[in-house]
C-alpha atoms as a PDB file:
ATOM      1  CA  MET A   1      46.143  35.978 101.350  1.00  0.00           C
ATOM      2  CA  GLY A   2      49.814  35.034 101.705  1.00  0.00           C
ATOM      3  CA  ASN A   3      51.919  35.633 104.790  1.00  0.00           C
ATOM      4  CA  LEU A   4      53.775  38.479 103.075  1.00  0.00           C
ATOM      5  CA  ALA A   5      50.560  40.483 102.704  1.00  0.00           C
ATOM      6  CA  TYR A   6      49.834  39.943 106.417  1.00  0.00           C
ATOM      7  CA  TYR A   7      53.283  41.189 107.418  1.00  0.00           C
ATOM      8  CA  LYS A   8      52.655  44.501 105.667  1.00  0.00           C
ATOM      9  CA  MET A   9      49.506  45.015 107.763  1.00  0.00           C
ATOM     10  CA  ILE A  10      50.798  43.778 111.107  1.00  0.00           C
ATOM     11  CA  SER A  11      51.702  46.000 114.036  1.00  0.00           C
ATOM     12  CA  VAL A  12      52.537  45.691 117.718  1.00  0.00           C
ATOM     13  CA  LYS A  13      51.128  48.102 120.261  1.00  0.00           C
ATOM     14  CA  GLN A  14      51.044  48.339 124.016  1.00  0.00           C
ATOM     15  CA  LEU A  15      47.642  47.355 125.405  1.00  0.00           C
ATOM     16  CA  ASN A  16      46.189  48.706 128.644  1.00  0.00           C
ATOM     17  CA  ASP A  17      43.231  48.168 130.979  1.00  0.00           C
ATOM     18  CA  LYS A  18      40.824  49.469 128.308  1.00  0.00           C
ATOM     19  CA  ASP A  19      41.746  46.362 126.298  1.00  0.00           C
ATOM     20  CA  ILE A  20      40.683  43.802 128.935  1.00  0.00           C
ATOM     21  CA  ASP A  21      37.882  42.451 126.724  1.00  0.00           C
ATOM     22  CA  LEU A  22      40.269  41.894 123.786  1.00  0.00           C
ATOM     23  CA  CYS A  23      42.772  40.116 126.043  1.00  0.00           C
ATOM     24  CA  TYR A  24      40.129  37.978 127.718  1.00  0.00           C
ATOM     25  CA  GLU A  25      38.496  37.061 124.390  1.00  0.00           C
ATOM     26  CA  LEU A  26      41.763  35.910 122.800  1.00  0.00           C
ATOM     27  CA  ASP A  27      42.699  34.014 125.979  1.00  0.00           C
ATOM     28  CA  SER A  28      39.256  32.345 126.143  1.00  0.00           C
ATOM     29  CA  ASN A  29      39.589  31.211 122.524  1.00  0.00           C
ATOM     30  CA  THR A  30      43.106  29.822 122.974  1.00  0.00           C
ATOM     31  CA  ILE A  31      44.682  28.652 126.251  1.00  0.00           C
ATOM     32  CA  SER A  32      42.045  29.886 128.757  1.00  0.00           C
ATOM     33  CA  LEU A  33      44.684  30.811 131.306  1.00  0.00           C
ATOM     34  CA  TRP A  34      43.088  33.768 133.120  1.00  0.00           C
ATOM     35  CA  SER A  35      39.612  34.950 134.125  1.00  0.00           C
ATOM     36  CA  LYS A  36      38.488  38.484 133.270  1.00  0.00           C
ATOM     37  CA  LYS A  37      39.254  39.467 136.884  1.00  0.00           C
ATOM     38  CA  GLN A  38      42.780  38.048 136.586  1.00  0.00           C
ATOM     39  CA  TRP A  39      43.316  40.018 133.357  1.00  0.00           C
ATOM     40  CA  SER A  40      42.126  43.157 135.134  1.00  0.00           C
ATOM     41  CA  GLU A  41      44.553  42.552 138.012  1.00  0.00           C
ATOM     42  CA  GLU A  42      47.447  41.731 135.663  1.00  0.00           C
ATOM     43  CA  LEU A  43      46.971  44.923 133.661  1.00  0.00           C
ATOM     44  CA  LYS A  44      47.191  47.003 136.877  1.00  0.00           C
ATOM     45  CA  LYS A  45      50.419  45.452 138.236  1.00  0.00           C
ATOM     46  CA  GLU A  46      53.529  47.560 138.447  1.00  0.00           C
ATOM     47  CA  GLY A  47      56.119  46.872 135.754  1.00  0.00           C
ATOM     48  CA  ILE A  48      53.641  45.087 133.467  1.00  0.00           C
ATOM     49  CA  LYS A  49      53.809  45.631 129.717  1.00  0.00           C
ATOM     50  CA  VAL A  50      51.126  44.049 127.554  1.00  0.00           C
ATOM     51  CA  LEU A  51      51.941  43.849 123.867  1.00  0.00           C
ATOM     52  CA  GLY A  52      49.243  43.139 121.309  1.00  0.00           C
ATOM     53  CA  LEU A  53      50.047  41.728 117.879  1.00  0.00           C
ATOM     54  CA  LEU A  54      47.520  43.375 115.587  1.00  0.00           C
ATOM     55  CA  LEU A  55      46.079  43.026 112.145  1.00  0.00           C
ATOM     56  CA  PRO A  56      43.899  45.994 111.099  1.00  0.00           C
ATOM     57  CA  ASP A  57      40.708  44.299 112.298  1.00  0.00           C
ATOM     58  CA  SER A  58      41.840  42.143 115.232  1.00  0.00           C
ATOM     59  CA  VAL A  59      44.309  41.246 117.976  1.00  0.00           C
ATOM     60  CA  ILE A  60      45.948  37.963 116.940  1.00  0.00           C
ATOM     61  CA  GLY A  61      48.582  37.661 119.667  1.00  0.00           C
ATOM     62  CA  ILE A  62      49.335  38.890 123.163  1.00  0.00           C
ATOM     63  CA  CYS A  63      52.427  38.920 125.318  1.00  0.00           C
ATOM     64  CA  VAL A  64      52.422  40.003 128.970  1.00  0.00           C
ATOM     65  CA  LEU A  65      55.837  40.970 130.274  1.00  0.00           C
ATOM     66  CA  GLN A  66      56.697  41.857 133.871  1.00  0.00           C
ATOM     67  CA  VAL A  67      59.878  43.892 134.261  1.00  0.00           C
ATOM     68  CA  VAL A  68      61.747  43.829 137.581  1.00  0.00           C
ATOM     69  CA  LEU A  69      64.973  45.842 137.517  1.00  0.00           C
ATOM     70  CA  ASP A  70      67.180  44.245 134.831  1.00  0.00           C
ATOM     71  CA  GLU A  71      65.119  41.046 134.461  1.00  0.00           C
ATOM     72  CA  ALA A  72      61.770  40.314 132.878  1.00  0.00           C
ATOM     73  CA  HIS A  73      59.270  37.480 133.096  1.00  0.00           C
ATOM     74  CA  ILE A  74      56.940  36.529 130.268  1.00  0.00           C
ATOM     75  CA  ASN A  75      53.712  35.870 132.187  1.00  0.00           C
ATOM     76  CA  TYR A  76      51.648  35.158 129.084  1.00  0.00           C
ATOM     77  CA  PHE A  77      52.364  34.523 125.403  1.00  0.00           C
ATOM     78  CA  VAL A  78      49.808  33.369 122.846  1.00  0.00           C
ATOM     79  CA  VAL A  79      48.944  33.642 119.161  1.00  0.00           C
ATOM     80  CA  ASN A  80      45.447  32.939 117.832  1.00  0.00           C
ATOM     81  CA  GLN A  81      45.150  29.315 116.642  1.00  0.00           C
ATOM     82  CA  LYS A  82      44.525  30.166 112.977  1.00  0.00           C
ATOM     83  CA  PHE A  83      47.667  32.315 112.811  1.00  0.00           C
ATOM     84  CA  ARG A  84      50.043  29.752 114.315  1.00  0.00           C
ATOM     85  CA  LYS A  85      52.934  28.215 112.370  1.00  0.00           C
ATOM     86  CA  LYS A  86      52.938  31.213 110.010  1.00  0.00           C
ATOM     87  CA  GLY A  87      55.670  33.277 111.666  1.00  0.00           C
ATOM     88  CA  PHE A  88      53.473  35.542 113.811  1.00  0.00           C
ATOM     89  CA  GLY A  89      54.715  34.124 117.116  1.00  0.00           C
ATOM     90  CA  THR A  90      58.296  34.543 115.869  1.00  0.00           C
ATOM     91  CA  TYR A  91      57.485  38.142 114.900  1.00  0.00           C
ATOM     92  CA  LEU A  92      56.042  38.884 118.359  1.00  0.00           C
ATOM     93  CA  MET A  93      58.882  37.160 120.263  1.00  0.00           C
ATOM     94  CA  SER A  94      61.533  38.912 118.144  1.00  0.00           C
ATOM     95  CA  TYR A  95      59.832  42.253 118.809  1.00  0.00           C
ATOM     96  CA  LEU A  96      59.682  41.468 122.538  1.00  0.00           C
ATOM     97  CA  ILE A  97      63.368  40.504 122.733  1.00  0.00           C
ATOM     98  CA  ASN A  98      64.308  43.674 120.855  1.00  0.00           C
ATOM     99  CA  GLN A  99      62.283  45.796 123.310  1.00  0.00           C
ATOM    100  CA  CYS A 100      63.908  44.034 126.281  1.00  0.00           C
ATOM    101  CA  GLU A 101      67.368  44.751 124.880  1.00  0.00           C
ATOM    102  CA  LYS A 102      66.425  48.450 124.535  1.00  0.00           C
ATOM    103  CA  LEU A 103      65.297  48.407 128.183  1.00  0.00           C
ATOM    104  CA  LYS A 104      68.700  46.898 129.177  1.00  0.00           C
ATOM    105  CA  ILE A 105      67.078  43.671 130.398  1.00  0.00           C
ATOM    106  CA  ASN A 106      69.745  41.012 131.024  1.00  0.00           C
ATOM    107  CA  LYS A 107      67.584  37.924 131.557  1.00  0.00           C
ATOM    108  CA  LEU A 108      64.186  36.836 130.328  1.00  0.00           C
ATOM    109  CA  PHE A 109      62.190  34.085 132.097  1.00  0.00           C
ATOM    110  CA  LEU A 110      59.038  32.123 131.318  1.00  0.00           C
ATOM    111  CA  GLU A 111      57.220  28.961 132.316  1.00  0.00           C
ATOM    112  CA  VAL A 112      55.833  26.375 129.928  1.00  0.00           C
ATOM    113  CA  SER A 113      54.022  23.115 130.602  1.00  0.00           C
ATOM    114  CA  HIS A 114      56.216  20.072 130.135  1.00  0.00           C
ATOM    115  CA  THR A 115      53.351  18.626 128.060  1.00  0.00           C
ATOM    116  CA  ASN A 116      53.468  21.509 125.539  1.00  0.00           C
ATOM    117  CA  GLY A 117      56.118  20.245 123.126  1.00  0.00           C
ATOM    118  CA  THR A 118      55.218  22.770 120.420  1.00  0.00           C
ATOM    119  CA  ALA A 119      55.779  25.744 122.741  1.00  0.00           C
ATOM    120  CA  GLU A 120      58.955  24.204 124.136  1.00  0.00           C
ATOM    121  CA  LYS A 121      60.369  23.804 120.621  1.00  0.00           C
ATOM    122  CA  PHE A 122      59.349  27.397 119.821  1.00  0.00           C
ATOM    123  CA  TYR A 123      61.109  28.823 122.893  1.00  0.00           C
ATOM    124  CA  SER A 124      64.247  26.759 122.298  1.00  0.00           C
ATOM    125  CA  ARG A 125      64.572  28.431 118.864  1.00  0.00           C
ATOM    126  CA  PHE A 126      65.085  31.681 120.809  1.00  0.00           C
ATOM    127  CA  ASP A 127      67.733  30.089 123.069  1.00  0.00           C
ATOM    128  CA  PHE A 128      65.548  29.685 126.162  1.00  0.00           C
ATOM    129  CA  CYS A 129      67.069  26.963 128.356  1.00  0.00           C
ATOM    130  CA  THR A 130      65.328  24.972 131.104  1.00  0.00           C
ATOM    131  CA  VAL A 131      66.722  26.006 134.493  1.00  0.00           C
ATOM    132  CA  GLY A 132      64.141  24.491 136.840  1.00  0.00           C
ATOM    133  CA  VAL A 133      60.884  22.598 137.257  1.00  0.00           C
ATOM    134  CA  ARG A 134      57.778  23.570 139.226  1.00  0.00           C
ATOM    135  CA  ARG A 135      55.947  20.341 140.062  1.00  0.00           C
ATOM    136  CA  ASN A 136      52.147  20.177 139.573  1.00  0.00           C
ATOM    137  CA  TYR A 137      52.136  23.869 138.615  1.00  0.00           C
ATOM    138  CA  TYR A 138      49.186  23.908 136.231  1.00  0.00           C
ATOM    139  CA  LYS A 139      45.492  23.180 136.903  1.00  0.00           C
ATOM    140  CA  ASP A 140      45.788  19.868 135.020  1.00  0.00           C
ATOM    141  CA  GLY A 141      48.622  18.754 137.331  1.00  0.00           C
ATOM    142  CA  SER A 142      51.361  19.155 134.737  1.00  0.00           C
ATOM    143  CA  ASP A 143      54.776  20.483 135.671  1.00  0.00           C
ATOM    144  CA  ALA A 144      56.043  23.893 134.588  1.00  0.00           C
ATOM    145  CA  LEU A 145      59.483  24.110 133.062  1.00  0.00           C
ATOM    146  CA  LEU A 146      61.172  27.341 134.113  1.00  0.00           C
ATOM    147  CA  LYS A 147      63.086  28.711 131.126  1.00  0.00           C
ATOM    148  CA  GLU A 148      65.695  31.432 130.985  1.00  0.00           C
ATOM    149  CA  LYS A 149      67.317  33.419 128.190  1.00  0.00           C
ATOM    150  CA  PHE A 150      70.328  35.698 128.537  1.00  0.00           C
ATOM    151  CA  LEU A 151      70.100  38.841 126.429  1.00  0.00           C
ATOM    152  CA  THR A 152      73.022  40.544 124.753  1.00  0.00           C
ATOM    153  CA  ASN A 153      72.602  44.244 125.260  1.00  0.00           C
ATOM    154  CA  LYS A 154      74.294  46.129 122.480  1.00  0.00           C
END
């Protein structure tokens, strides 16, 4: 099935604490960032929006956004391995940026490991710029690059 057929079936919806298993399963099969308990805690935090990128039969991407006043932080962003480099991450990020602009968010932040060149390249396509470094931030000892994007609210 070509990408065009997928795009006709794709949707984005807000996930909630009933979707913990879906979130944890996708995380476990990709970047293994959070435990089930951490997912549970994240989904209960104030200002958290969890967006799921869906095909009719599965969640193929997740973005966790924390909104604080007129800024937002992307706490988590992943697309299932077999759907990468096919435009799904771009679709989800574009949707997210559009939602942030509607919410009158001025700045968007995220962290990415300095060893993750693919993700860094992806974020730079959306005009995220490195504004700081958090040394030894990740479990493996790698540094986190703090990235920022200014949004143009129409």
